[in-house]
């Protein structure tokens, strides 16, 4: 019997457009420990559909195809989207990903919301925030810490 959400997927699944989506899949396998699930190519060799699993989540990929409206973040000179990834050891993950070619945007730090957290850009222009949850923070403490963080961030 068919299900509305295929086995192994969640309700929301990122679908990344990359200049060189096949190379992106290889990067995610090397840097993020992704498992390749599939690659489907067009007759001219472009990646029409690829899929990797990072942790318990699928990430789909496609090569840039401007004629179909599919352009990646490098062609757009950036992206407003950040993909958030929880991992067991953010420090080890960051070191490995940076050694594999990711650019550190924000180094790993302990954050007020209870995560060790940092931000990377992959070689294809996608931004990844990566975290390990280290402590639970109650609503009152979270609100006060957010006020302090925002005040310090805007220099007030």
N, C-alpha and C. Protein backbone atom coordinates (compact mmCIF):
# COMPACT_ATOMS: atom_id res chain seq x y z
N UNK A 1 0.83 -1.18 0.00
CA UNK A 1 0.00 0.00 0.00
C UNK A 1 0.88 1.25 0.00
N UNK A 2 0.50 2.22 -0.75
CA UNK A 2 1.23 3.48 -0.84
C UNK A 2 0.86 4.39 0.33
N UNK A 3 1.84 5.15 0.78
CA UNK A 3 1.62 6.10 1.87
C UNK A 3 1.87 7.51 1.35
N UNK A 4 1.23 8.48 1.94
CA UNK A 4 1.39 9.87 1.51
C UNK A 4 2.83 10.33 1.66
N UNK A 5 3.53 9.87 2.69
CA UNK A 5 4.94 10.19 2.90
C UNK A 5 5.71 8.89 2.73
N UNK A 6 6.63 8.84 1.75
CA UNK A 6 7.37 7.60 1.51
C UNK A 6 8.20 7.18 2.72
N UNK A 7 8.41 5.89 2.85
CA UNK A 7 9.23 5.33 3.93
C UNK A 7 10.61 6.01 3.92
N UNK A 8 11.08 6.42 5.08
CA UNK A 8 12.40 7.03 5.20
C UNK A 8 12.40 8.54 5.04
N UNK A 9 11.24 9.13 4.76
CA UNK A 9 11.15 10.58 4.62
C UNK A 9 10.36 11.15 5.78
N UNK A 10 10.48 12.47 5.96
CA UNK A 10 9.69 13.19 6.95
C UNK A 10 8.78 14.17 6.22
N UNK A 11 7.95 14.87 6.93
CA UNK A 11 6.99 15.79 6.33
C UNK A 11 7.69 16.87 5.50
N UNK A 12 8.79 17.42 5.99
CA UNK A 12 9.55 18.44 5.28
C UNK A 12 10.89 17.85 4.87
N UNK A 13 11.21 17.97 3.59
CA UNK A 13 12.48 17.44 3.07
C UNK A 13 13.15 18.52 2.22
N UNK A 14 14.36 18.95 2.57
CA UNK A 14 15.05 19.93 1.73
C UNK A 14 15.33 19.36 0.34
N UNK A 15 15.20 20.20 -0.66
CA UNK A 15 15.51 19.85 -2.05
C UNK A 15 16.44 20.93 -2.56
N UNK A 16 17.74 20.62 -2.62
CA UNK A 16 18.76 21.61 -2.91
C UNK A 16 19.11 21.65 -4.39
N UNK A 17 19.17 22.85 -4.95
CA UNK A 17 19.65 23.07 -6.30
C UNK A 17 21.12 23.45 -6.19
N UNK A 18 21.97 22.77 -6.95
CA UNK A 18 23.41 23.02 -6.89
C UNK A 18 24.01 23.07 -8.29
N UNK A 19 24.95 23.95 -8.48
CA UNK A 19 25.81 23.87 -9.66
C UNK A 19 26.78 22.73 -9.36
N UNK A 20 26.55 21.57 -9.95
CA UNK A 20 27.36 20.40 -9.62
C UNK A 20 26.74 19.58 -8.51
N UNK A 21 25.48 19.21 -8.67
CA UNK A 21 24.77 18.48 -7.62
C UNK A 21 25.40 17.12 -7.33
N UNK A 22 25.94 16.46 -8.34
CA UNK A 22 26.63 15.19 -8.10
C UNK A 22 27.84 15.37 -7.20
N UNK A 23 28.59 16.45 -7.45
CA UNK A 23 29.73 16.76 -6.59
C UNK A 23 29.26 17.13 -5.18
N UNK A 24 28.11 17.79 -5.10
CA UNK A 24 27.55 18.12 -3.78
C UNK A 24 27.21 16.85 -3.01
N UNK A 25 26.64 15.87 -3.70
CA UNK A 25 26.34 14.59 -3.04
C UNK A 25 27.62 13.97 -2.50
N UNK A 26 28.66 13.99 -3.31
CA UNK A 26 29.95 13.43 -2.86
C UNK A 26 30.49 14.20 -1.67
N UNK A 27 30.36 15.53 -1.70
CA UNK A 27 30.80 16.35 -0.57
C UNK A 27 30.03 15.99 0.69
N UNK A 28 28.71 15.88 0.60
CA UNK A 28 27.91 15.55 1.78
C UNK A 28 28.26 14.17 2.33
N UNK A 29 28.56 13.25 1.45
CA UNK A 29 28.98 11.91 1.90
C UNK A 29 30.29 12.02 2.67
N UNK A 30 31.25 12.77 2.14
CA UNK A 30 32.56 12.90 2.77
C UNK A 30 32.51 13.77 4.01
N UNK A 31 31.91 14.95 3.92
CA UNK A 31 31.96 15.92 5.00
C UNK A 31 30.92 15.70 6.08
N UNK A 32 29.73 15.23 5.69
CA UNK A 32 28.62 15.12 6.64
C UNK A 32 28.27 13.67 6.96
N UNK A 33 28.98 12.71 6.37
CA UNK A 33 28.67 11.30 6.62
C UNK A 33 27.36 10.86 5.99
N UNK A 34 26.94 11.54 4.93
CA UNK A 34 25.68 11.19 4.26
C UNK A 34 25.78 9.83 3.60
N UNK A 35 24.63 9.20 3.47
CA UNK A 35 24.50 7.92 2.75
C UNK A 35 23.77 8.21 1.44
N UNK A 36 24.35 7.81 0.33
CA UNK A 36 23.70 8.03 -0.96
C UNK A 36 22.55 7.05 -1.14
N UNK A 37 21.39 7.58 -1.53
CA UNK A 37 20.22 6.76 -1.76
C UNK A 37 19.94 6.55 -3.24
N UNK A 38 20.17 7.59 -4.06
CA UNK A 38 19.92 7.43 -5.50
C UNK A 38 20.48 8.59 -6.30
N UNK A 39 20.73 8.31 -7.59
CA UNK A 39 21.08 9.33 -8.58
C UNK A 39 20.36 8.99 -9.87
N UNK A 40 19.70 9.99 -10.45
CA UNK A 40 19.01 9.84 -11.72
C UNK A 40 19.50 10.98 -12.62
N UNK A 41 20.07 10.61 -13.78
CA UNK A 41 20.67 11.61 -14.66
C UNK A 41 19.82 11.86 -15.90
N UNK A 42 19.95 13.07 -16.45
CA UNK A 42 19.37 13.40 -17.74
C UNK A 42 20.25 12.78 -18.82
N UNK A 43 19.77 12.70 -20.05
CA UNK A 43 20.60 12.15 -21.13
C UNK A 43 21.93 12.88 -21.31
N UNK A 44 21.97 14.19 -20.98
CA UNK A 44 23.23 14.93 -21.12
C UNK A 44 24.10 14.89 -19.86
N UNK A 45 23.72 14.07 -18.87
CA UNK A 45 24.57 13.84 -17.70
C UNK A 45 24.28 14.70 -16.49
N UNK A 46 23.34 15.64 -16.58
CA UNK A 46 23.00 16.44 -15.40
C UNK A 46 22.25 15.58 -14.39
N UNK A 47 22.38 15.94 -13.13
CA UNK A 47 21.65 15.23 -12.08
C UNK A 47 20.21 15.75 -12.07
N UNK A 48 19.29 14.91 -12.49
CA UNK A 48 17.87 15.25 -12.50
C UNK A 48 17.27 15.08 -11.10
N UNK A 49 17.74 14.05 -10.42
CA UNK A 49 17.29 13.82 -9.04
C UNK A 49 18.32 12.97 -8.31
N UNK A 50 18.75 13.48 -7.19
CA UNK A 50 19.62 12.73 -6.31
C UNK A 50 19.06 12.79 -4.91
N UNK A 51 19.45 11.84 -4.08
CA UNK A 51 18.96 11.82 -2.71
C UNK A 51 20.03 11.21 -1.81
N UNK A 52 20.30 11.89 -0.71
CA UNK A 52 21.19 11.38 0.33
C UNK A 52 20.43 11.39 1.64
N UNK A 53 20.92 10.59 2.59
CA UNK A 53 20.38 10.61 3.95
C UNK A 53 21.48 11.14 4.85
N UNK A 54 21.14 12.18 5.59
CA UNK A 54 22.04 12.74 6.60
C UNK A 54 21.35 12.52 7.93
N UNK A 55 21.96 11.70 8.77
CA UNK A 55 21.30 11.31 10.02
C UNK A 55 20.04 10.53 9.68
N UNK A 56 18.89 11.00 10.17
CA UNK A 56 17.63 10.30 9.89
C UNK A 56 16.80 11.01 8.82
N UNK A 57 17.41 11.95 8.11
CA UNK A 57 16.64 12.77 7.17
C UNK A 57 17.18 12.69 5.74
N UNK A 58 16.25 12.68 4.81
CA UNK A 58 16.62 12.69 3.39
C UNK A 58 16.82 14.14 2.94
N UNK A 59 17.77 14.32 2.03
CA UNK A 59 18.00 15.59 1.35
C UNK A 59 18.05 15.28 -0.13
N UNK A 60 17.18 15.94 -0.90
CA UNK A 60 17.14 15.71 -2.34
C UNK A 60 17.97 16.80 -3.03
N UNK A 61 18.54 16.46 -4.20
CA UNK A 61 19.38 17.40 -4.94
C UNK A 61 19.07 17.35 -6.42
N UNK A 62 19.34 18.46 -7.09
CA UNK A 62 19.18 18.56 -8.53
C UNK A 62 20.23 19.55 -9.05
N UNK A 63 20.72 19.31 -10.25
CA UNK A 63 21.62 20.26 -10.89
C UNK A 63 20.85 21.52 -11.28
N UNK A 64 21.58 22.62 -11.38
CA UNK A 64 20.97 23.84 -11.90
C UNK A 64 20.41 23.58 -13.29
N UNK A 65 19.22 24.04 -13.52
CA UNK A 65 18.56 23.98 -14.82
C UNK A 65 17.77 25.28 -14.97
N UNK A 66 18.46 26.36 -15.33
CA UNK A 66 17.81 27.68 -15.38
C UNK A 66 16.55 27.71 -16.24
N UNK A 67 16.53 26.90 -17.31
CA UNK A 67 15.36 26.86 -18.18
C UNK A 67 14.12 26.36 -17.45
N UNK A 68 14.33 25.68 -16.33
CA UNK A 68 13.22 25.18 -15.51
C UNK A 68 13.05 26.00 -14.23
N UNK A 69 13.82 27.07 -14.10
CA UNK A 69 13.75 27.90 -12.90
C UNK A 69 14.57 27.37 -11.74
N UNK A 70 15.41 26.37 -11.98
CA UNK A 70 16.22 25.78 -10.91
C UNK A 70 17.62 26.38 -10.95
N UNK A 71 17.88 27.32 -10.03
CA UNK A 71 19.21 27.91 -9.91
C UNK A 71 19.65 27.81 -8.46
N UNK A 72 20.94 27.64 -8.25
CA UNK A 72 21.47 27.47 -6.92
C UNK A 72 21.88 28.78 -6.27
N UNK A 73 22.32 28.72 -5.03
CA UNK A 73 22.66 29.92 -4.28
C UNK A 73 23.84 30.70 -4.87
N UNK A 74 24.77 30.03 -5.53
CA UNK A 74 25.89 30.77 -6.12
C UNK A 74 25.40 31.64 -7.26
N UNK A 75 24.52 31.12 -8.10
CA UNK A 75 23.96 31.91 -9.19
C UNK A 75 23.13 33.07 -8.65
N UNK A 76 22.51 32.87 -7.51
CA UNK A 76 21.68 33.90 -6.89
C UNK A 76 22.49 34.84 -5.99
N UNK A 77 23.79 34.56 -5.86
CA UNK A 77 24.69 35.33 -4.99
C UNK A 77 24.25 35.26 -3.53
N UNK A 78 23.85 34.06 -3.11
CA UNK A 78 23.47 33.84 -1.72
C UNK A 78 22.11 33.18 -1.62
N UNK A 79 21.76 32.82 -0.41
CA UNK A 79 20.47 32.18 -0.15
C UNK A 79 19.94 32.66 1.19
N UNK A 80 18.63 32.93 1.27
CA UNK A 80 18.04 33.30 2.56
C UNK A 80 17.73 32.08 3.43
N UNK A 81 18.03 30.89 2.94
CA UNK A 81 17.66 29.65 3.63
C UNK A 81 18.87 29.07 4.36
N UNK A 82 18.67 28.67 5.59
CA UNK A 82 19.67 27.93 6.36
C UNK A 82 19.07 26.58 6.69
N UNK A 83 19.83 25.53 6.46
CA UNK A 83 19.40 24.18 6.80
C UNK A 83 19.99 23.87 8.17
N UNK A 84 19.14 23.48 9.12
CA UNK A 84 19.60 23.20 10.48
C UNK A 84 19.81 21.71 10.65
N UNK A 85 20.94 21.35 11.21
CA UNK A 85 21.33 19.95 11.36
C UNK A 85 21.76 19.69 12.80
N UNK A 86 21.07 18.78 13.47
CA UNK A 86 21.49 18.34 14.80
C UNK A 86 22.42 17.15 14.65
N UNK A 87 23.51 17.16 15.40
CA UNK A 87 24.49 16.08 15.39
C UNK A 87 24.88 15.73 16.82
N UNK A 88 25.49 14.56 17.00
CA UNK A 88 25.90 14.12 18.34
C UNK A 88 27.06 14.94 18.90
N UNK A 89 28.00 15.36 18.04
CA UNK A 89 29.20 16.07 18.49
C UNK A 89 29.50 17.19 17.50
N UNK A 90 28.96 18.38 17.76
CA UNK A 90 29.10 19.49 16.83
C UNK A 90 30.56 19.88 16.62
N UNK A 91 31.39 19.79 17.64
CA UNK A 91 32.80 20.17 17.50
C UNK A 91 33.52 19.25 16.53
N UNK A 92 33.34 17.94 16.68
CA UNK A 92 33.97 16.98 15.77
C UNK A 92 33.40 17.13 14.36
N UNK A 93 32.09 17.31 14.25
CA UNK A 93 31.44 17.48 12.95
C UNK A 93 32.01 18.70 12.23
N UNK A 94 32.12 19.82 12.94
CA UNK A 94 32.64 21.06 12.37
C UNK A 94 34.06 20.88 11.87
N UNK A 95 34.90 20.27 12.69
CA UNK A 95 36.29 20.05 12.28
C UNK A 95 36.37 19.22 11.01
N UNK A 96 35.59 18.15 10.97
CA UNK A 96 35.60 17.26 9.81
C UNK A 96 35.07 17.98 8.57
N UNK A 97 33.95 18.70 8.70
CA UNK A 97 33.35 19.40 7.56
C UNK A 97 34.27 20.49 7.03
N UNK A 98 34.91 21.23 7.92
CA UNK A 98 35.85 22.28 7.49
C UNK A 98 37.05 21.67 6.77
N UNK A 99 37.57 20.57 7.28
CA UNK A 99 38.69 19.89 6.62
C UNK A 99 38.30 19.37 5.24
N UNK A 100 37.01 19.04 5.06
CA UNK A 100 36.52 18.53 3.78
C UNK A 100 36.17 19.64 2.79
N UNK A 101 36.22 20.91 3.25
CA UNK A 101 35.99 22.01 2.32
C UNK A 101 34.87 22.96 2.66
N UNK A 102 34.18 22.76 3.78
CA UNK A 102 33.15 23.72 4.20
C UNK A 102 33.83 24.96 4.76
N UNK A 103 33.19 26.11 4.61
CA UNK A 103 33.69 27.37 5.15
C UNK A 103 32.97 27.67 6.46
N UNK A 104 33.73 27.97 7.50
CA UNK A 104 33.13 28.32 8.79
C UNK A 104 32.64 29.76 8.71
N UNK A 105 31.34 29.94 8.90
CA UNK A 105 30.73 31.27 8.92
C UNK A 105 30.71 31.79 10.36
N UNK A 106 30.27 30.95 11.29
CA UNK A 106 30.29 31.26 12.72
C UNK A 106 30.84 30.05 13.44
N UNK A 107 31.91 30.21 14.20
CA UNK A 107 32.47 29.05 14.90
C UNK A 107 31.51 28.53 15.97
N UNK A 108 31.75 27.33 16.40
CA UNK A 108 30.91 26.68 17.41
C UNK A 108 31.05 27.41 18.74
N UNK A 109 29.91 27.71 19.34
CA UNK A 109 29.86 28.34 20.66
C UNK A 109 28.67 27.79 21.43
N UNK A 110 28.71 27.94 22.76
CA UNK A 110 27.55 27.62 23.58
C UNK A 110 26.56 28.77 23.43
N UNK A 111 25.32 28.44 23.10
CA UNK A 111 24.31 29.46 22.84
C UNK A 111 23.28 29.49 23.96
N UNK A 112 22.63 30.64 24.10
CA UNK A 112 21.70 30.86 25.21
C UNK A 112 20.50 29.92 25.18
N UNK A 113 20.18 29.38 24.02
CA UNK A 113 19.00 28.50 23.93
C UNK A 113 19.32 27.04 24.29
N UNK A 114 20.59 26.76 24.64
CA UNK A 114 20.94 25.43 25.14
C UNK A 114 21.68 24.54 24.16
N UNK A 115 22.08 25.06 23.02
CA UNK A 115 22.83 24.27 22.04
C UNK A 115 24.26 24.77 21.93
N UNK A 116 25.18 23.84 21.61
CA UNK A 116 26.48 24.22 21.04
C UNK A 116 26.20 24.32 19.56
N UNK A 117 26.56 25.45 18.95
CA UNK A 117 26.01 25.80 17.65
C UNK A 117 27.04 26.57 16.83
N UNK A 118 27.08 26.28 15.54
CA UNK A 118 27.90 27.04 14.62
C UNK A 118 27.29 26.98 13.23
N UNK A 119 27.85 27.78 12.32
CA UNK A 119 27.30 27.87 10.97
C UNK A 119 28.40 27.65 9.94
N UNK A 120 28.08 26.82 8.94
CA UNK A 120 29.00 26.49 7.84
C UNK A 120 28.35 26.85 6.51
N UNK A 121 29.20 27.13 5.51
CA UNK A 121 28.73 27.21 4.13
C UNK A 121 29.40 26.09 3.36
N UNK A 122 28.60 25.29 2.66
CA UNK A 122 29.20 24.22 1.86
C UNK A 122 29.77 24.81 0.57
N UNK A 123 30.59 24.07 -0.16
CA UNK A 123 31.20 24.62 -1.37
C UNK A 123 30.22 24.98 -2.48
N UNK A 124 28.94 24.65 -2.30
CA UNK A 124 27.92 24.89 -3.32
C UNK A 124 27.03 26.08 -2.96
N UNK A 125 27.36 26.75 -1.83
CA UNK A 125 26.67 27.96 -1.43
C UNK A 125 25.54 27.78 -0.45
N UNK A 126 25.27 26.55 -0.02
CA UNK A 126 24.20 26.32 0.96
C UNK A 126 24.75 26.51 2.37
N UNK A 127 23.92 27.14 3.21
CA UNK A 127 24.29 27.44 4.59
C UNK A 127 23.69 26.38 5.51
N UNK A 128 24.52 25.88 6.41
CA UNK A 128 24.10 24.84 7.36
C UNK A 128 24.40 25.34 8.77
N UNK A 129 23.38 25.43 9.61
CA UNK A 129 23.61 25.65 11.03
C UNK A 129 23.65 24.24 11.64
N UNK A 130 24.63 24.04 12.51
CA UNK A 130 24.87 22.70 13.06
C UNK A 130 24.91 22.82 14.58
N UNK A 131 24.24 21.91 15.26
CA UNK A 131 24.14 22.03 16.71
C UNK A 131 24.10 20.67 17.39
N UNK A 132 24.55 20.70 18.64
CA UNK A 132 24.34 19.61 19.58
C UNK A 132 23.61 20.22 20.77
N UNK A 133 22.46 19.68 21.10
CA UNK A 133 21.71 20.19 22.24
C UNK A 133 22.41 19.73 23.51
N UNK A 134 22.76 20.69 24.38
CA UNK A 134 23.51 20.35 25.59
C UNK A 134 22.75 20.60 26.89
N UNK A 135 21.72 21.46 26.82
CA UNK A 135 20.94 21.69 28.04
C UNK A 135 19.57 22.25 27.68
N UNK A 136 18.60 21.89 28.48
CA UNK A 136 17.25 22.43 28.31
C UNK A 136 17.17 23.78 29.00
N UNK A 137 16.46 24.70 28.38
CA UNK A 137 16.30 26.05 28.91
C UNK A 137 14.81 26.33 29.04
N UNK A 138 14.41 26.76 30.22
CA UNK A 138 13.00 27.07 30.46
C UNK A 138 12.57 28.35 29.74
N UNK A 139 11.27 28.54 29.59
CA UNK A 139 10.76 29.69 28.83
C UNK A 139 11.18 31.05 29.40
N UNK A 140 11.18 31.20 30.72
CA UNK A 140 11.55 32.49 31.32
C UNK A 140 13.03 32.77 31.10
N UNK A 141 13.87 31.77 31.35
CA UNK A 141 15.31 31.94 31.14
C UNK A 141 15.60 32.22 29.67
N UNK A 142 14.91 31.53 28.79
CA UNK A 142 15.09 31.72 27.35
C UNK A 142 14.72 33.15 26.94
N UNK A 143 13.60 33.65 27.43
CA UNK A 143 13.17 35.02 27.09
C UNK A 143 14.16 36.05 27.58
N UNK A 144 14.63 35.91 28.82
CA UNK A 144 15.60 36.86 29.38
C UNK A 144 16.93 36.80 28.61
N UNK A 145 17.39 35.61 28.32
CA UNK A 145 18.63 35.46 27.56
C UNK A 145 18.49 36.04 26.16
N UNK A 146 17.34 35.87 25.54
CA UNK A 146 17.10 36.43 24.20
C UNK A 146 17.15 37.96 24.26
N UNK A 147 16.54 38.56 25.28
CA UNK A 147 16.59 40.02 25.44
C UNK A 147 18.03 40.50 25.55
N UNK A 148 18.81 39.83 26.39
CA UNK A 148 20.21 40.20 26.57
C UNK A 148 20.98 40.04 25.27
N UNK A 149 20.79 38.91 24.60
CA UNK A 149 21.47 38.63 23.34
C UNK A 149 21.14 39.69 22.29
N UNK A 150 19.87 40.03 22.17
CA UNK A 150 19.45 41.03 21.17
C UNK A 150 20.01 42.40 21.52
N UNK A 151 20.00 42.77 22.80
CA UNK A 151 20.55 44.06 23.21
C UNK A 151 22.04 44.14 22.90
N UNK A 152 22.76 43.09 23.17
CA UNK A 152 24.20 43.07 22.90
C UNK A 152 24.48 43.06 21.40
N UNK A 153 23.63 42.37 20.63
CA UNK A 153 23.84 42.25 19.19
C UNK A 153 23.65 43.57 18.47
N UNK A 154 22.74 44.41 18.94
CA UNK A 154 22.49 45.68 18.27
C UNK A 154 23.20 46.84 18.97
N UNK A 155 23.99 46.53 19.98
CA UNK A 155 24.81 47.52 20.65
C UNK A 155 24.05 48.49 21.53
N UNK A 156 22.95 48.05 22.09
CA UNK A 156 22.17 48.93 22.97
C UNK A 156 22.58 48.77 24.40
